[in-house]
Amino acid sequence: MHIDRLVLDGLDLGRRDGEHVRAAMARELTRLLAAGGMPHALARGGAQRSVPAPAIRLGLQPAPARVGREIARSVHRGLDG
């Protein structure tokens, strides 16, 4: 799986935090895919122009690793839609 671009509206992340979010998201999404099988959207193959991922709630000043995990879970739910 390749994620070309991830748009995060409403988060004030520095470059360093953004890299931590990206890495945490990749780890969690890999874990979810390995544990739960292939979501319907991926089983068909091909590219997805976008994934309608449900909104997430993070609270005030969440750690970048938590942000990444929550994004991955939301994307995974969107893929299974």
PDB file of N, CA and C in Angstrom:
ATOM      1  N   MET A   1       0.846  -1.163   0.000  1.00  0.00           N
ATOM      2  CA  MET A   1       0.000   0.000   0.000  1.00  0.00           C
ATOM      3  C   MET A   1       0.893   1.229   0.000  1.00  0.00           C
ATOM      4  N   HIS A   2       0.488   2.200  -0.784  1.00  0.00           N
ATOM      5  CA  HIS A   2       1.213   3.466  -0.849  1.00  0.00           C
ATOM      6  C   HIS A   2       0.218   4.594  -0.622  1.00  0.00           C
ATOM      7  N   ILE A   3       0.502   5.438   0.347  1.00  0.00           N
ATOM      8  CA  ILE A   3      -0.329   6.613   0.592  1.00  0.00           C
ATOM      9  C   ILE A   3       0.438   7.807   0.064  1.00  0.00           C
ATOM     10  N   ASP A   4      -0.098   8.389  -0.991  1.00  0.00           N
ATOM     11  CA  ASP A   4       0.576   9.496  -1.653  1.00  0.00           C
ATOM     12  C   ASP A   4       0.508  10.776  -0.839  1.00  0.00           C
ATOM     13  N   ARG A   5      -0.670  11.052  -0.294  1.00  0.00           N
ATOM     14  CA  ARG A   5      -0.841  12.312   0.426  1.00  0.00           C
ATOM     15  C   ARG A   5      -1.858  12.110   1.539  1.00  0.00           C
ATOM     16  N   LEU A   6      -1.580  12.701   2.681  1.00  0.00           N
ATOM     17  CA  LEU A   6      -2.477  12.649   3.828  1.00  0.00           C
ATOM     18  C   LEU A   6      -2.770  14.077   4.248  1.00  0.00           C
ATOM     19  N   VAL A   7      -4.035  14.454   4.212  1.00  0.00           N
ATOM     20  CA  VAL A   7      -4.437  15.816   4.569  1.00  0.00           C
ATOM     21  C   VAL A   7      -4.996  15.796   5.975  1.00  0.00           C
ATOM     22  N   LEU A   8      -4.408  16.606   6.845  1.00  0.00           N
ATOM     23  CA  LEU A   8      -4.831  16.682   8.243  1.00  0.00           C
ATOM     24  C   LEU A   8      -5.299  18.097   8.544  1.00  0.00           C
ATOM     25  N   ASP A   9      -6.577  18.309   8.451  1.00  0.00           N
ATOM     26  CA  ASP A   9      -7.138  19.628   8.734  1.00  0.00           C
ATOM     27  C   ASP A   9      -7.257  19.831  10.245  1.00  0.00           C
ATOM     28  N   GLY A  10      -6.875  21.018  10.690  1.00  0.00           N
ATOM     29  CA  GLY A  10      -7.077  21.378  12.090  1.00  0.00           C
ATOM     30  C   GLY A  10      -5.985  20.940  13.040  1.00  0.00           C
ATOM     31  N   LEU A  11      -4.902  20.369  12.521  1.00  0.00           N
ATOM     32  CA  LEU A  11      -3.792  19.967  13.395  1.00  0.00           C
ATOM     33  C   LEU A  11      -2.592  20.860  13.136  1.00  0.00           C
ATOM     34  N   ASP A  12      -2.030  21.357  14.205  1.00  0.00           N
ATOM     35  CA  ASP A  12      -0.841  22.200  14.101  1.00  0.00           C
ATOM     36  C   ASP A  12       0.377  21.332  14.392  1.00  0.00           C
ATOM     37  N   LEU A  13       0.942  20.754  13.338  1.00  0.00           N
ATOM     38  CA  LEU A  13       2.086  19.860  13.489  1.00  0.00           C
ATOM     39  C   LEU A  13       3.319  20.466  12.849  1.00  0.00           C
ATOM     40  N   GLY A  14       4.416  20.384  13.556  1.00  0.00           N
ATOM     41  CA  GLY A  14       5.688  20.770  12.967  1.00  0.00           C
ATOM     42  C   GLY A  14       6.183  19.650  12.080  1.00  0.00           C
ATOM     43  N   ARG A  15       7.240  19.915  11.341  1.00  0.00           N
ATOM     44  CA  ARG A  15       7.795  18.914  10.423  1.00  0.00           C
ATOM     45  C   ARG A  15       8.187  17.632  11.154  1.00  0.00           C
ATOM     46  N   ARG A  16       8.818  17.779  12.293  1.00  0.00           N
ATOM     47  CA  ARG A  16       9.263  16.614  13.064  1.00  0.00           C
ATOM     48  C   ARG A  16       8.066  15.795  13.558  1.00  0.00           C
ATOM     49  N   ASP A  17       7.043  16.487  14.099  1.00  0.00           N
ATOM     50  CA  ASP A  17       5.843  15.788  14.556  1.00  0.00           C
ATOM     51  C   ASP A  17       5.145  15.096  13.396  1.00  0.00           C
ATOM     52  N   GLY A  18       5.124  15.731  12.239  1.00  0.00           N
ATOM     53  CA  GLY A  18       4.503  15.129  11.069  1.00  0.00           C
ATOM     54  C   GLY A  18       5.148  13.801  10.702  1.00  0.00           C
ATOM     55  N   GLU A  19       6.449  13.715  10.814  1.00  0.00           N
ATOM     56  CA  GLU A  19       7.152  12.458  10.527  1.00  0.00           C
ATOM     57  C   GLU A  19       6.800  11.386  11.553  1.00  0.00           C
ATOM     58  N   HIS A  20       6.659  11.777  12.814  1.00  0.00           N
ATOM     59  CA  HIS A  20       6.261  10.819  13.860  1.00  0.00           C
ATOM     60  C   HIS A  20       4.838  10.318  13.619  1.00  0.00           C
ATOM     61  N   VAL A  21       3.955  11.214  13.212  1.00  0.00           N
ATOM     62  CA  VAL A  21       2.576  10.836  12.890  1.00  0.00           C
ATOM     63  C   VAL A  21       2.573   9.855  11.727  1.00  0.00           C
ATOM     64  N   ARG A  22       3.316  10.168  10.669  1.00  0.00           N
ATOM     65  CA  ARG A  22       3.378   9.303   9.501  1.00  0.00           C
ATOM     66  C   ARG A  22       3.879   7.906   9.852  1.00  0.00           C
ATOM     67  N   ALA A  23       4.939   7.842  10.640  1.00  0.00           N
ATOM     68  CA  ALA A  23       5.513   6.546  11.021  1.00  0.00           C
ATOM     69  C   ALA A  23       4.547   5.740  11.887  1.00  0.00           C
ATOM     70  N   ALA A  24       3.902   6.396  12.842  1.00  0.00           N
ATOM     71  CA  ALA A  24       2.942   5.704  13.707  1.00  0.00           C
ATOM     72  C   ALA A  24       1.741   5.223  12.906  1.00  0.00           C
ATOM     73  N   MET A  25       1.298   6.028  11.958  1.00  0.00           N
ATOM     74  CA  MET A  25       0.181   5.639  11.118  1.00  0.00           C
ATOM     75  C   MET A  25       0.534   4.416  10.283  1.00  0.00           C
ATOM     76  N   ALA A  26       1.713   4.415   9.687  1.00  0.00           N
ATOM     77  CA  ALA A  26       2.146   3.282   8.865  1.00  0.00           C
ATOM     78  C   ALA A  26       2.231   2.000   9.693  1.00  0.00           C
ATOM     79  N   ARG A  27       2.797   2.094  10.894  1.00  0.00           N
ATOM     80  CA  ARG A  27       2.907   0.908  11.762  1.00  0.00           C
ATOM     81  C   ARG A  27       1.535   0.356  12.127  1.00  0.00           C
ATOM     82  N   GLU A  28       0.627   1.248  12.536  1.00  0.00           N
ATOM     83  CA  GLU A  28      -0.698   0.805  12.969  1.00  0.00           C
ATOM     84  C   GLU A  28      -1.512   0.261  11.804  1.00  0.00           C
ATOM     85  N   LEU A  29      -1.444   0.904  10.658  1.00  0.00           N
ATOM     86  CA  LEU A  29      -2.198   0.415   9.509  1.00  0.00           C
ATOM     87  C   LEU A  29      -1.668  -0.946   9.061  1.00  0.00           C
ATOM     88  N   THR A  30      -0.368  -1.137   9.094  1.00  0.00           N
ATOM     89  CA  THR A  30       0.222  -2.438   8.778  1.00  0.00           C
ATOM     90  C   THR A  30      -0.266  -3.498   9.757  1.00  0.00           C
ATOM     91  N   ARG A  31      -0.285  -3.151  11.040  1.00  0.00           N
ATOM     92  CA  ARG A  31      -0.753  -4.086  12.072  1.00  0.00           C
ATOM     93  C   ARG A  31      -2.219  -4.457  11.843  1.00  0.00           C
ATOM     94  N   LEU A  32      -3.052  -3.455  11.578  1.00  0.00           N
ATOM     95  CA  LEU A  32      -4.482  -3.701  11.370  1.00  0.00           C
ATOM     96  C   LEU A  32      -4.733  -4.571  10.139  1.00  0.00           C
ATOM     97  N   LEU A  33      -4.009  -4.311   9.075  1.00  0.00           N
ATOM     98  CA  LEU A  33      -4.171  -5.117   7.861  1.00  0.00           C
ATOM     99  C   LEU A  33      -3.714  -6.552   8.077  1.00  0.00           C
ATOM    100  N   ALA A  34      -2.631  -6.732   8.814  1.00  0.00           N
ATOM    101  CA  ALA A  34      -2.120  -8.076   9.076  1.00  0.00           C
ATOM    102  C   ALA A  34      -3.068  -8.843  10.002  1.00  0.00           C
ATOM    103  N   ALA A  35      -3.653  -8.163  10.970  1.00  0.00           N
ATOM    104  CA  ALA A  35      -4.514  -8.825  11.949  1.00  0.00           C
ATOM    105  C   ALA A  35      -5.919  -9.099  11.430  1.00  0.00           C
ATOM    106  N   GLY A  36      -6.439  -8.206  10.592  1.00  0.00           N
ATOM    107  CA  GLY A  36      -7.838  -8.323  10.213  1.00  0.00           C
ATOM    108  C   GLY A  36      -8.113  -8.702   8.781  1.00  0.00           C
ATOM    109  N   GLY A  37      -7.099  -9.017   8.040  1.00  0.00           N
ATOM    110  CA  GLY A  37      -7.328  -9.359   6.642  1.00  0.00           C
ATOM    111  C   GLY A  37      -7.445  -8.126   5.763  1.00  0.00           C
ATOM    112  N   MET A  38      -7.718  -8.363   4.526  1.00  0.00           N
ATOM    113  CA  MET A  38      -7.765  -7.307   3.529  1.00  0.00           C
ATOM    114  C   MET A  38      -9.151  -6.671   3.468  1.00  0.00           C
ATOM    115  N   PRO A  39      -9.240  -5.358   3.684  1.00  0.00           N
ATOM    116  CA  PRO A  39     -10.530  -4.676   3.539  1.00  0.00           C
ATOM    117  C   PRO A  39     -11.052  -4.786   2.109  1.00  0.00           C
ATOM    118  N   HIS A  40     -12.369  -4.682   1.952  1.00  0.00           N
ATOM    119  CA  HIS A  40     -13.010  -4.826   0.642  1.00  0.00           C
ATOM    120  C   HIS A  40     -12.415  -3.894  -0.403  1.00  0.00           C
ATOM    121  N   ALA A  41     -12.142  -2.645  -0.026  1.00  0.00           N
ATOM    122  CA  ALA A  41     -11.631  -1.658  -0.988  1.00  0.00           C
ATOM    123  C   ALA A  41     -10.273  -2.071  -1.549  1.00  0.00           C
ATOM    124  N   LEU A  42      -9.460  -2.760  -0.757  1.00  0.00           N
ATOM    125  CA  LEU A  42      -8.139  -3.185  -1.225  1.00  0.00           C
ATOM    126  C   LEU A  42      -8.187  -4.532  -1.930  1.00  0.00           C
ATOM    127  N   ALA A  43      -9.107  -5.376  -1.551  1.00  0.00           N
ATOM    128  CA  ALA A  43      -9.202  -6.711  -2.153  1.00  0.00           C
ATOM    129  C   ALA A  43      -9.521  -6.621  -3.641  1.00  0.00           C
ATOM    130  N   ARG A  44     -10.218  -5.573  -4.044  1.00  0.00           N
ATOM    131  CA  ARG A  44     -10.539  -5.385  -5.460  1.00  0.00           C
ATOM    132  C   ARG A  44      -9.308  -4.990  -6.268  1.00  0.00           C
ATOM    133  N   GLY A  45      -8.285  -4.498  -5.592  1.00  0.00           N
ATOM    134  CA  GLY A  45      -7.077  -4.065  -6.276  1.00  0.00           C
ATOM    135  C   GLY A  45      -7.236  -2.682  -6.874  1.00  0.00           C
ATOM    136  N   GLY A  46      -6.170  -2.176  -7.455  1.00  0.00           N
ATOM    137  CA  GLY A  46      -6.215  -0.865  -8.090  1.00  0.00           C
ATOM    138  C   GLY A  46      -6.015   0.266  -7.102  1.00  0.00           C
ATOM    139  N   ALA A  47      -6.052   1.461  -7.623  1.00  0.00           N
ATOM    140  CA  ALA A  47      -5.813   2.659  -6.818  1.00  0.00           C
ATOM    141  C   ALA A  47      -7.119   3.221  -6.280  1.00  0.00           C
ATOM    142  N   GLN A  48      -7.031   3.818  -5.129  1.00  0.00           N
ATOM    143  CA  GLN A  48      -8.148   4.539  -4.522  1.00  0.00           C
ATOM    144  C   GLN A  48      -7.821   6.020  -4.603  1.00  0.00           C
ATOM    145  N   ARG A  49      -8.669   6.789  -5.220  1.00  0.00           N
ATOM    146  CA  ARG A  49      -8.425   8.232  -5.329  1.00  0.00           C
ATOM    147  C   ARG A  49      -8.467   8.893  -3.956  1.00  0.00           C
ATOM    148  N   SER A  50      -9.391   8.438  -3.123  1.00  0.00           N
ATOM    149  CA  SER A  50      -9.492   8.936  -1.757  1.00  0.00           C
ATOM    150  C   SER A  50     -10.205   7.894  -0.911  1.00  0.00           C
ATOM    151  N   VAL A  51     -10.054   8.023   0.390  1.00  0.00           N
ATOM    152  CA  VAL A  51     -10.716   7.134   1.327  1.00  0.00           C
ATOM    153  C   VAL A  51     -11.519   7.999   2.291  1.00  0.00           C
ATOM    154  N   PRO A  52     -12.830   7.807   2.350  1.00  0.00           N
ATOM    155  CA  PRO A  52     -13.652   8.590   3.263  1.00  0.00           C
ATOM    156  C   PRO A  52     -13.517   8.064   4.689  1.00  0.00           C
ATOM    157  N   ALA A  53     -12.543   8.545   5.397  1.00  0.00           N
ATOM    158  CA  ALA A  53     -12.270   8.075   6.754  1.00  0.00           C
ATOM    159  C   ALA A  53     -13.114   8.850   7.763  1.00  0.00           C
ATOM    160  N   PRO A  54     -13.691   8.157   8.744  1.00  0.00           N
ATOM    161  CA  PRO A  54     -14.469   8.833   9.772  1.00  0.00           C
ATOM    162  C   PRO A  54     -13.607   9.820  10.571  1.00  0.00           C
ATOM    163  N   ALA A  55     -14.241  10.846  11.095  1.00  0.00           N
ATOM    164  CA  ALA A  55     -13.540  11.836  11.921  1.00  0.00           C
ATOM    165  C   ALA A  55     -13.011  11.183  13.192  1.00  0.00           C
ATOM    166  N   ILE A  56     -11.939  11.750  13.710  1.00  0.00           N
ATOM    167  CA  ILE A  56     -11.371  11.251  14.963  1.00  0.00           C
ATOM    168  C   ILE A  56     -11.362  12.386  15.986  1.00  0.00           C
ATOM    169  N   ARG A  57     -11.374  12.009  17.248  1.00  0.00           N
ATOM    170  CA  ARG A  57     -11.288  12.975  18.348  1.00  0.00           C
ATOM    171  C   ARG A  57      -9.982  12.717  19.092  1.00  0.00           C
ATOM    172  N   LEU A  58      -9.222  13.780  19.286  1.00  0.00           N
ATOM    173  CA  LEU A  58      -7.895  13.610  19.869  1.00  0.00           C
ATOM    174  C   LEU A  58      -7.705  14.311  21.209  1.00  0.00           C
ATOM    175  N   GLY A  59      -8.518  15.270  21.530  1.00  0.00           N
ATOM    176  CA  GLY A  59      -8.295  16.028  22.755  1.00  0.00           C
ATOM    177  C   GLY A  59      -7.227  17.085  22.536  1.00  0.00           C
ATOM    178  N   LEU A  60      -6.817  17.716  23.609  1.00  0.00           N
ATOM    179  CA  LEU A  60      -5.825  18.785  23.532  1.00  0.00           C
ATOM    180  C   LEU A  60      -4.414  18.235  23.500  1.00  0.00           C
ATOM    181  N   GLN A  61      -3.632  18.702  22.570  1.00  0.00           N
ATOM    182  CA  GLN A  61      -2.212  18.381  22.419  1.00  0.00           C
ATOM    183  C   GLN A  61      -1.899  16.887  22.522  1.00  0.00           C
ATOM    184  N   PRO A  62      -2.456  16.094  21.632  1.00  0.00           N
ATOM    185  CA  PRO A  62      -2.168  14.659  21.648  1.00  0.00           C
ATOM    186  C   PRO A  62      -0.745  14.386  21.163  1.00  0.00           C
ATOM    187  N   ALA A  63      -0.177  13.299  21.644  1.00  0.00           N
ATOM    188  CA  ALA A  63       1.155  12.882  21.209  1.00  0.00           C
ATOM    189  C   ALA A  63       1.089  12.470  19.737  1.00  0.00           C
ATOM    190  N   PRO A  64       2.123  12.769  18.963  1.00  0.00           N
ATOM    191  CA  PRO A  64       2.130  12.397  17.541  1.00  0.00           C
ATOM    192  C   PRO A  64       1.871  10.906  17.297  1.00  0.00           C
ATOM    193  N   ALA A  65       2.386  10.042  18.164  1.00  0.00           N
ATOM    194  CA  ALA A  65       2.171   8.607  17.993  1.00  0.00           C
ATOM    195  C   ALA A  65       0.685   8.266  18.116  1.00  0.00           C
ATOM    196  N   ARG A  66      -0.009   8.896  19.038  1.00  0.00           N
ATOM    197  CA  ARG A  66      -1.443   8.661  19.199  1.00  0.00           C
ATOM    198  C   ARG A  66      -2.204   9.174  17.982  1.00  0.00           C
ATOM    199  N   VAL A  67      -1.823  10.336  17.490  1.00  0.00           N
ATOM    200  CA  VAL A  67      -2.461  10.890  16.295  1.00  0.00           C
ATOM    201  C   VAL A  67      -2.326   9.904  15.135  1.00  0.00           C
ATOM    202  N   GLY A  68      -1.131   9.371  14.940  1.00  0.00           N
ATOM    203  CA  GLY A  68      -0.894   8.414  13.859  1.00  0.00           C
ATOM    204  C   GLY A  68      -1.722   7.153  13.998  1.00  0.00           C
ATOM    205  N   ARG A  69      -1.803   6.622  15.219  1.00  0.00           N
ATOM    206  CA  ARG A  69      -2.602   5.407  15.437  1.00  0.00           C
ATOM    207  C   ARG A  69      -4.084   5.660  15.154  1.00  0.00           C
ATOM    208  N   GLU A  70      -4.588   6.781  15.633  1.00  0.00           N
ATOM    209  CA  GLU A  70      -6.009   7.088  15.428  1.00  0.00           C
ATOM    210  C   GLU A  70      -6.323   7.318  13.949  1.00  0.00           C
ATOM    211  N   ILE A  71      -5.426   7.964  13.243  1.00  0.00           N
ATOM    212  CA  ILE A  71      -5.619   8.162  11.798  1.00  0.00           C
ATOM    213  C   ILE A  71      -5.653   6.811  11.093  1.00  0.00           C
ATOM    214  N   ALA A  72      -4.723   5.928  11.434  1.00  0.00           N
ATOM    215  CA  ALA A  72      -4.678   4.601  10.808  1.00  0.00           C
ATOM    216  C   ALA A  72      -5.976   3.840  11.055  1.00  0.00           C
ATOM    217  N   ARG A  73      -6.490   3.904  12.265  1.00  0.00           N
ATOM    218  CA  ARG A  73      -7.741   3.199  12.578  1.00  0.00           C
ATOM    219  C   ARG A  73      -8.904   3.772  11.782  1.00  0.00           C
ATOM    220  N   SER A  74      -8.921   5.077  11.631  1.00  0.00           N
ATOM    221  CA  SER A  74      -9.982   5.719  10.864  1.00  0.00           C
ATOM    222  C   SER A  74      -9.888   5.351   9.379  1.00  0.00           C
ATOM    223  N   VAL A  75      -8.685   5.383   8.836  1.00  0.00           N
ATOM    224  CA  VAL A  75      -8.477   4.997   7.430  1.00  0.00           C
ATOM    225  C   VAL A  75      -8.880   3.548   7.218  1.00  0.00           C
ATOM    226  N   HIS A  76      -8.507   2.691   8.149  1.00  0.00           N
ATOM    227  CA  HIS A  76      -8.844   1.273   8.043  1.00  0.00           C
ATOM    228  C   HIS A  76     -10.370   1.087   8.039  1.00  0.00           C
ATOM    229  N   ARG A  77     -11.069   1.797   8.910  1.00  0.00           N
ATOM    230  CA  ARG A  77     -12.541   1.733   8.901  1.00  0.00           C
ATOM    231  C   ARG A  77     -13.099   2.238   7.571  1.00  0.00           C
ATOM    232  N   GLY A  78     -12.499   3.302   7.031  1.00  0.00           N
ATOM    233  CA  GLY A  78     -12.934   3.823   5.749  1.00  0.00           C
ATOM    234  C   GLY A  78     -12.721   2.848   4.600  1.00  0.00           C
ATOM    235  N   LEU A  79     -11.636   2.105   4.661  1.00  0.00           N
ATOM    236  CA  LEU A  79     -11.356   1.108   3.621  1.00  0.00           C
ATOM    237  C   LEU A  79     -12.333  -0.053   3.693  1.00  0.00           C
ATOM    238  N   ASP A  80     -12.773  -0.358   4.888  1.00  0.00           N
ATOM    239  CA  ASP A  80     -13.675  -1.494   5.076  1.00  0.00           C
ATOM    240  C   ASP A  80     -15.130  -1.126   4.779  1.00  0.00           C
ATOM    241  N   GLY A  81     -15.370   0.209   4.631  1.00  0.00           N
ATOM    242  CA  GLY A  81     -16.681   0.776   4.403  1.00  0.00           C
ATOM    243  C   GLY A  81     -17.604  -0.048   3.641  1.00  0.00           C
TER     244      GLY A  81
END
